[in-house]
Amino acid sequence: MSRAFGVIRQLGYVVPDITSAITHWVERLQVGPFFYIERQPVNHFVFRGEPSAPPQISVALAQAGPVQVELIQQRDDVPSAFREFTDAGHEGLQHVAYWTDAFDALVVRAGELGYTELQSGRSGSGRPDERFGYFTAGGHTGTVVEFSEVAGRKAALFDAVAAAAADWDGADPVRDMTTLVTR
């Protein structure tokens, strides 16, 4: 466990081709099922301190034991932490995420440890309990830290992804994420 922020709950990979990435994780690593959404809603997006149009991203989520795997493909050129990562020639692990019901306290803690905010917003429906923030203290590629407020619908989504993986027999490896968020 990280003494700074708690337990790492998610590994976030930024990839150039989400379909190929899903295939790799399913066929090579036997991780799944993946829950996919072609256009993940992002609201109240702020990048490097300035309100911005949100990037158009496709997202796929699966559970691998105690850790969620998130695959992200940005489909436009809107400035974001994902675009900066790929523009620098990187692909793969871009962030580790901590899930929290004490979002504001983690943001304060990050500042105390020298982190600065890269981007923030609200995922899904944009409700107040769906905040996220990406922070960096510089250093090694792939060490951006995300705080994801996990309550309400987002908590139910993450629980459903984990439950599906617990009983997964390899069938139906790619599923529609919207079937989980409408519950």
C-alpha atoms as a PDB file:
ATOM      1  CA  MET A   1       0.000   0.000   0.000  1.00  0.00           C
ATOM      2  CA  SER A   2       1.182   3.496  -0.797  1.00  0.00           C
ATOM      3  CA  ARG A   3       1.662   5.438   2.397  1.00  0.00           C
ATOM      4  CA  ALA A   4       1.003   8.620   0.459  1.00  0.00           C
ATOM      5  CA  PHE A   5      -2.476   7.889  -0.907  1.00  0.00           C
ATOM      6  CA  GLY A   6      -3.652   4.393   0.040  1.00  0.00           C
ATOM      7  CA  VAL A   7      -4.123   1.328  -2.142  1.00  0.00           C
ATOM      8  CA  ILE A   8      -3.514   1.502  -5.894  1.00  0.00           C
ATOM      9  CA  ARG A   9      -6.824   0.374  -7.367  1.00  0.00           C
ATOM     10  CA  GLN A  10      -6.321   0.931 -11.087  1.00  0.00           C
ATOM     11  CA  LEU A  11      -3.613   0.859 -13.748  1.00  0.00           C
ATOM     12  CA  GLY A  12      -4.383   3.246 -16.617  1.00  0.00           C
ATOM     13  CA  TYR A  13      -2.906   2.488 -20.036  1.00  0.00           C
ATOM     14  CA  VAL A  14      -3.061   5.003 -22.880  1.00  0.00           C
ATOM     15  CA  VAL A  15      -2.997   3.114 -26.159  1.00  0.00           C
ATOM     16  CA  PRO A  16      -3.071   4.002 -29.871  1.00  0.00           C
ATOM     17  CA  ASP A  17      -5.541   1.216 -30.742  1.00  0.00           C
ATOM     18  CA  ILE A  18      -7.953   0.197 -27.995  1.00  0.00           C
ATOM     19  CA  THR A  19      -9.300  -2.781 -29.950  1.00  0.00           C
ATOM     20  CA  SER A  20      -5.806  -4.275 -30.278  1.00  0.00           C
ATOM     21  CA  ALA A  21      -5.079  -3.546 -26.629  1.00  0.00           C
ATOM     22  CA  ILE A  22      -8.258  -5.335 -25.510  1.00  0.00           C
ATOM     23  CA  THR A  23      -7.377  -8.310 -27.718  1.00  0.00           C
ATOM     24  CA  HIS A  24      -3.903  -8.473 -26.149  1.00  0.00           C
ATOM     25  CA  TRP A  25      -5.220  -8.398 -22.589  1.00  0.00           C
ATOM     26  CA  VAL A  26      -7.936 -10.978 -23.315  1.00  0.00           C
ATOM     27  CA  GLU A  27      -5.928 -13.430 -25.448  1.00  0.00           C
ATOM     28  CA  ARG A  28      -2.426 -13.126 -23.988  1.00  0.00           C
ATOM     29  CA  LEU A  29      -3.131 -12.322 -20.343  1.00  0.00           C
ATOM     30  CA  GLN A  30      -6.644 -13.820 -20.093  1.00  0.00           C
ATOM     31  CA  VAL A  31      -7.956 -10.720 -18.348  1.00  0.00           C
ATOM     32  CA  GLY A  32     -11.593  -9.865 -18.894  1.00  0.00           C
ATOM     33  CA  PRO A  33     -14.289  -9.284 -19.612  1.00  0.00           C
ATOM     34  CA  PHE A  34     -13.692  -5.731 -20.752  1.00  0.00           C
ATOM     35  CA  PHE A  35     -16.505  -3.222 -20.541  1.00  0.00           C
ATOM     36  CA  TYR A  36     -16.120  -0.781 -23.430  1.00  0.00           C
ATOM     37  CA  ILE A  37     -17.566   2.631 -24.215  1.00  0.00           C
ATOM     38  CA  GLU A  38     -16.597   4.373 -27.427  1.00  0.00           C
ATOM     39  CA  ARG A  39     -17.186   7.879 -26.115  1.00  0.00           C
ATOM     40  CA  GLN A  40     -16.724   8.237 -22.363  1.00  0.00           C
ATOM     41  CA  PRO A  41     -18.639  11.261 -21.056  1.00  0.00           C
ATOM     42  CA  VAL A  42     -16.332  13.818 -19.414  1.00  0.00           C
ATOM     43  CA  ASN A  43     -17.756  16.957 -17.810  1.00  0.00           C
ATOM     44  CA  HIS A  44     -16.320  20.113 -16.224  1.00  0.00           C
ATOM     45  CA  PHE A  45     -12.927  19.365 -17.795  1.00  0.00           C
ATOM     46  CA  VAL A  46      -9.925  21.450 -16.720  1.00  0.00           C
ATOM     47  CA  PHE A  47      -6.477  20.979 -18.264  1.00  0.00           C
ATOM     48  CA  ARG A  48      -3.422  22.606 -16.726  1.00  0.00           C
ATOM     49  CA  GLY A  49      -5.597  24.998 -14.742  1.00  0.00           C
ATOM     50  CA  GLU A  50      -7.777  26.190 -17.641  1.00  0.00           C
ATOM     51  CA  PRO A  51     -11.347  25.099 -18.435  1.00  0.00           C
ATOM     52  CA  SER A  52     -11.267  23.189 -21.704  1.00  0.00           C
ATOM     53  CA  ALA A  53     -13.365  21.158 -24.062  1.00  0.00           C
ATOM     54  CA  PRO A  54     -13.112  17.560 -22.883  1.00  0.00           C
ATOM     55  CA  PRO A  55     -11.129  15.091 -24.967  1.00  0.00           C
ATOM     56  CA  GLN A  56     -13.031  12.430 -26.864  1.00  0.00           C
ATOM     57  CA  ILE A  57     -11.850   9.184 -25.328  1.00  0.00           C
ATOM     58  CA  SER A  58     -12.758   5.548 -25.671  1.00  0.00           C
ATOM     59  CA  VAL A  59     -12.414   3.530 -22.469  1.00  0.00           C
ATOM     60  CA  ALA A  60     -12.379  -0.167 -21.612  1.00  0.00           C
ATOM     61  CA  LEU A  61     -12.383  -1.499 -18.040  1.00  0.00           C
ATOM     62  CA  ALA A  62     -11.624  -4.975 -16.703  1.00  0.00           C
ATOM     63  CA  GLN A  63     -10.574  -6.393 -13.355  1.00  0.00           C
ATOM     64  CA  ALA A  64      -7.347  -8.357 -12.803  1.00  0.00           C
ATOM     65  CA  GLY A  65      -7.463  -9.626  -9.224  1.00  0.00           C
ATOM     66  CA  PRO A  66      -7.529  -6.628  -6.887  1.00  0.00           C
ATOM     67  CA  VAL A  67      -6.585  -4.112  -9.622  1.00  0.00           C
ATOM     68  CA  GLN A  68      -8.734  -2.615 -12.342  1.00  0.00           C
ATOM     69  CA  VAL A  69      -7.186  -2.255 -15.802  1.00  0.00           C
ATOM     70  CA  GLU A  70      -8.245   0.833 -17.744  1.00  0.00           C
ATOM     71  CA  LEU A  71      -7.451   1.203 -21.435  1.00  0.00           C
ATOM     72  CA  ILE A  72      -7.817   4.697 -22.931  1.00  0.00           C
ATOM     73  CA  GLN A  73      -7.607   5.841 -26.536  1.00  0.00           C
ATOM     74  CA  GLN A  74      -7.959   9.549 -27.203  1.00  0.00           C
ATOM     75  CA  ARG A  75      -9.689  10.093 -30.543  1.00  0.00           C
ATOM     76  CA  ASP A  76      -9.109  13.828 -31.057  1.00  0.00           C
ATOM     77  CA  ASP A  77      -6.367  16.427 -30.634  1.00  0.00           C
ATOM     78  CA  VAL A  78      -7.830  18.271 -27.629  1.00  0.00           C
ATOM     79  CA  PRO A  79      -5.058  19.032 -25.096  1.00  0.00           C
ATOM     80  CA  SER A  80      -5.055  16.501 -22.240  1.00  0.00           C
ATOM     81  CA  ALA A  81      -2.669  14.431 -20.150  1.00  0.00           C
ATOM     82  CA  PHE A  82      -3.394  11.532 -22.521  1.00  0.00           C
ATOM     83  CA  ARG A  83      -2.503  13.591 -25.614  1.00  0.00           C
ATOM     84  CA  GLU A  84       0.705  14.878 -23.979  1.00  0.00           C
ATOM     85  CA  PHE A  85       1.671  11.279 -23.204  1.00  0.00           C
ATOM     86  CA  THR A  86       1.187  10.053 -26.783  1.00  0.00           C
ATOM     87  CA  ASP A  87       2.663  13.215 -28.325  1.00  0.00           C
ATOM     88  CA  ALA A  88       5.834  12.506 -26.319  1.00  0.00           C
ATOM     89  CA  GLY A  89       6.030   9.134 -28.080  1.00  0.00           C
ATOM     90  CA  HIS A  90       4.721   7.058 -25.202  1.00  0.00           C
ATOM     91  CA  GLU A  91       2.108   4.349 -25.014  1.00  0.00           C
ATOM     92  CA  GLY A  92       1.280   2.024 -22.162  1.00  0.00           C
ATOM     93  CA  LEU A  93       1.066   2.714 -18.443  1.00  0.00           C
ATOM     94  CA  GLN A  94       0.238   6.400 -18.017  1.00  0.00           C
ATOM     95  CA  HIS A  95      -1.233   6.540 -14.505  1.00  0.00           C
ATOM     96  CA  VAL A  96      -2.011   4.712 -11.321  1.00  0.00           C
ATOM     97  CA  ALA A  97      -5.314   5.486  -9.653  1.00  0.00           C
ATOM     98  CA  TYR A  98      -6.466   5.673  -6.078  1.00  0.00           C
ATOM     99  CA  TRP A  99     -10.177   5.424  -5.373  1.00  0.00           C
ATOM    100  CA  THR A 100     -11.525   7.559  -2.595  1.00  0.00           C
ATOM    101  CA  ASP A 101     -14.525   8.911  -0.777  1.00  0.00           C
ATOM    102  CA  ALA A 102     -12.240  11.650   0.622  1.00  0.00           C
ATOM    103  CA  PHE A 103     -11.340  13.358  -2.655  1.00  0.00           C
ATOM    104  CA  ASP A 104     -10.601  16.818  -1.251  1.00  0.00           C
ATOM    105  CA  ALA A 105      -8.282  15.410   1.426  1.00  0.00           C
ATOM    106  CA  LEU A 106      -6.237  13.510  -1.198  1.00  0.00           C
ATOM    107  CA  VAL A 107      -5.923  16.646  -3.316  1.00  0.00           C
ATOM    108  CA  VAL A 108      -4.568  18.532  -0.291  1.00  0.00           C
ATOM    109  CA  ARG A 109      -2.182  15.642   0.490  1.00  0.00           C
ATOM    110  CA  ALA A 110      -0.935  15.643  -3.114  1.00  0.00           C
ATOM    111  CA  GLY A 111      -0.143  19.353  -2.870  1.00  0.00           C
ATOM    112  CA  GLU A 112       1.751  18.782   0.379  1.00  0.00           C
ATOM    113  CA  LEU A 113       3.878  16.170  -1.418  1.00  0.00           C
ATOM    114  CA  GLY A 114       4.703  18.505  -4.312  1.00  0.00           C
ATOM    115  CA  TYR A 115       2.190  17.263  -6.878  1.00  0.00           C
ATOM    116  CA  THR A 116       0.496  19.618  -9.319  1.00  0.00           C
ATOM    117  CA  GLU A 117      -2.785  19.034 -11.086  1.00  0.00           C
ATOM    118  CA  LEU A 118      -2.623  18.092 -14.769  1.00  0.00           C
ATOM    119  CA  GLN A 119      -6.321  17.673 -15.432  1.00  0.00           C
ATOM    120  CA  SER A 120      -9.590  17.219 -13.616  1.00  0.00           C
ATOM    121  CA  GLY A 121     -13.284  16.899 -14.216  1.00  0.00           C
ATOM    122  CA  ARG A 122     -16.233  14.648 -13.650  1.00  0.00           C
ATOM    123  CA  SER A 123     -16.828  11.363 -15.388  1.00  0.00           C
ATOM    124  CA  GLY A 124     -20.030   9.667 -16.397  1.00  0.00           C
ATOM    125  CA  SER A 125     -23.137  11.712 -15.696  1.00  0.00           C
ATOM    126  CA  GLY A 126     -21.063  14.566 -14.272  1.00  0.00           C
ATOM    127  CA  ARG A 127     -22.589  14.306 -10.825  1.00  0.00           C
ATOM    128  CA  PRO A 128     -20.698  15.956  -7.951  1.00  0.00           C
ATOM    129  CA  ASP A 129     -19.598  12.527  -6.625  1.00  0.00           C
ATOM    130  CA  GLU A 130     -17.888  11.554  -9.913  1.00  0.00           C
ATOM    131  CA  ARG A 131     -14.818  13.791  -9.699  1.00  0.00           C
ATOM    132  CA  PHE A 132     -11.391  12.782 -10.938  1.00  0.00           C
ATOM    133  CA  GLY A 133      -8.032  14.504 -10.899  1.00  0.00           C
ATOM    134  CA  TYR A 134      -4.667  13.632 -12.440  1.00  0.00           C
ATOM    135  CA  PHE A 135      -1.543  14.875 -10.669  1.00  0.00           C
ATOM    136  CA  THR A 136       2.182  14.778 -11.341  1.00  0.00           C
ATOM    137  CA  ALA A 137       5.357  15.496  -9.455  1.00  0.00           C
ATOM    138  CA  GLY A 138       7.476  14.947 -12.546  1.00  0.00           C
ATOM    139  CA  GLY A 139       9.793  12.017 -12.833  1.00  0.00           C
ATOM    140  CA  HIS A 140       9.274   8.638 -14.381  1.00  0.00           C
ATOM    141  CA  THR A 141       6.878   8.130 -17.289  1.00  0.00           C
ATOM    142  CA  GLY A 142       3.739   6.334 -16.160  1.00  0.00           C
ATOM    143  CA  THR A 143       3.708   7.753 -12.660  1.00  0.00           C
ATOM    144  CA  VAL A 144       0.884  10.223 -13.050  1.00  0.00           C
ATOM    145  CA  VAL A 145      -1.450   9.786 -10.088  1.00  0.00           C
ATOM    146  CA  GLU A 146      -5.210   9.816 -10.502  1.00  0.00           C
ATOM    147  CA  PHE A 147      -7.695  10.283  -7.690  1.00  0.00           C
ATOM    148  CA  SER A 148     -11.114   8.966  -8.578  1.00  0.00           C
ATOM    149  CA  GLU A 149     -14.043   9.749  -6.368  1.00  0.00           C
ATOM    150  CA  VAL A 150     -15.920   6.487  -6.056  1.00  0.00           C
ATOM    151  CA  ALA A 151     -19.490   6.802  -4.893  1.00  0.00           C
ATOM    152  CA  GLY A 152     -22.938   6.312  -6.369  1.00  0.00           C
ATOM    153  CA  ARG A 153     -23.063   5.172  -9.980  1.00  0.00           C
ATOM    154  CA  LYS A 154     -19.286   5.052 -10.433  1.00  0.00           C
ATOM    155  CA  ALA A 155     -18.926   2.768  -7.407  1.00  0.00           C
ATOM    156  CA  ALA A 156     -21.670   0.523  -8.794  1.00  0.00           C
ATOM    157  CA  LEU A 157     -19.905   0.415 -12.173  1.00  0.00           C
ATOM    158  CA  PHE A 158     -16.569  -0.540 -10.639  1.00  0.00           C
ATOM    159  CA  ASP A 159     -18.227  -3.189  -8.447  1.00  0.00           C
ATOM    160  CA  ALA A 160     -19.992  -4.680 -11.493  1.00  0.00           C
ATOM    161  CA  VAL A 161     -16.725  -4.838 -13.482  1.00  0.00           C
ATOM    162  CA  ALA A 162     -15.051  -6.691 -10.583  1.00  0.00           C
ATOM    163  CA  ALA A 163     -17.996  -9.065 -10.145  1.00  0.00           C
ATOM    164  CA  ALA A 164     -17.999  -9.960 -13.848  1.00  0.00           C
ATOM    165  CA  ALA A 165     -14.294 -10.812 -13.716  1.00  0.00           C
ATOM    166  CA  ALA A 166     -14.700 -13.058 -10.664  1.00  0.00           C
ATOM    167  CA  ASP A 167     -16.913 -15.485 -12.591  1.00  0.00           C
ATOM    168  CA  TRP A 168     -15.556 -14.925 -16.099  1.00  0.00           C
ATOM    169  CA  ASP A 169     -15.128 -18.083 -18.157  1.00  0.00           C
ATOM    170  CA  GLY A 170     -13.648 -16.413 -21.254  1.00  0.00           C
ATOM    171  CA  ALA A 171     -16.996 -15.975 -23.006  1.00  0.00           C
ATOM    172  CA  ASP A 172     -18.223 -12.604 -24.272  1.00  0.00           C
ATOM    173  CA  PRO A 173     -14.857 -10.856 -23.688  1.00  0.00           C
ATOM    174  CA  VAL A 174     -15.976  -7.356 -24.781  1.00  0.00           C
ATOM    175  CA  ARG A 175     -19.196  -5.957 -23.377  1.00  0.00           C
ATOM    176  CA  ASP A 176     -21.042  -2.665 -23.593  1.00  0.00           C
ATOM    177  CA  MET A 177     -20.205  -0.498 -20.585  1.00  0.00           C
ATOM    178  CA  THR A 178     -23.462   1.416 -20.887  1.00  0.00           C
ATOM    179  CA  THR A 179     -25.354  -1.686 -19.735  1.00  0.00           C
ATOM    180  CA  LEU A 180     -23.653  -1.255 -16.343  1.00  0.00           C
ATOM    181  CA  VAL A 181     -24.089   2.502 -15.948  1.00  0.00           C
ATOM    182  CA  THR A 182     -27.816   2.509 -16.594  1.00  0.00           C
ATOM    183  CA  ARG A 183     -28.490   0.268 -13.620  1.00  0.00           C
END
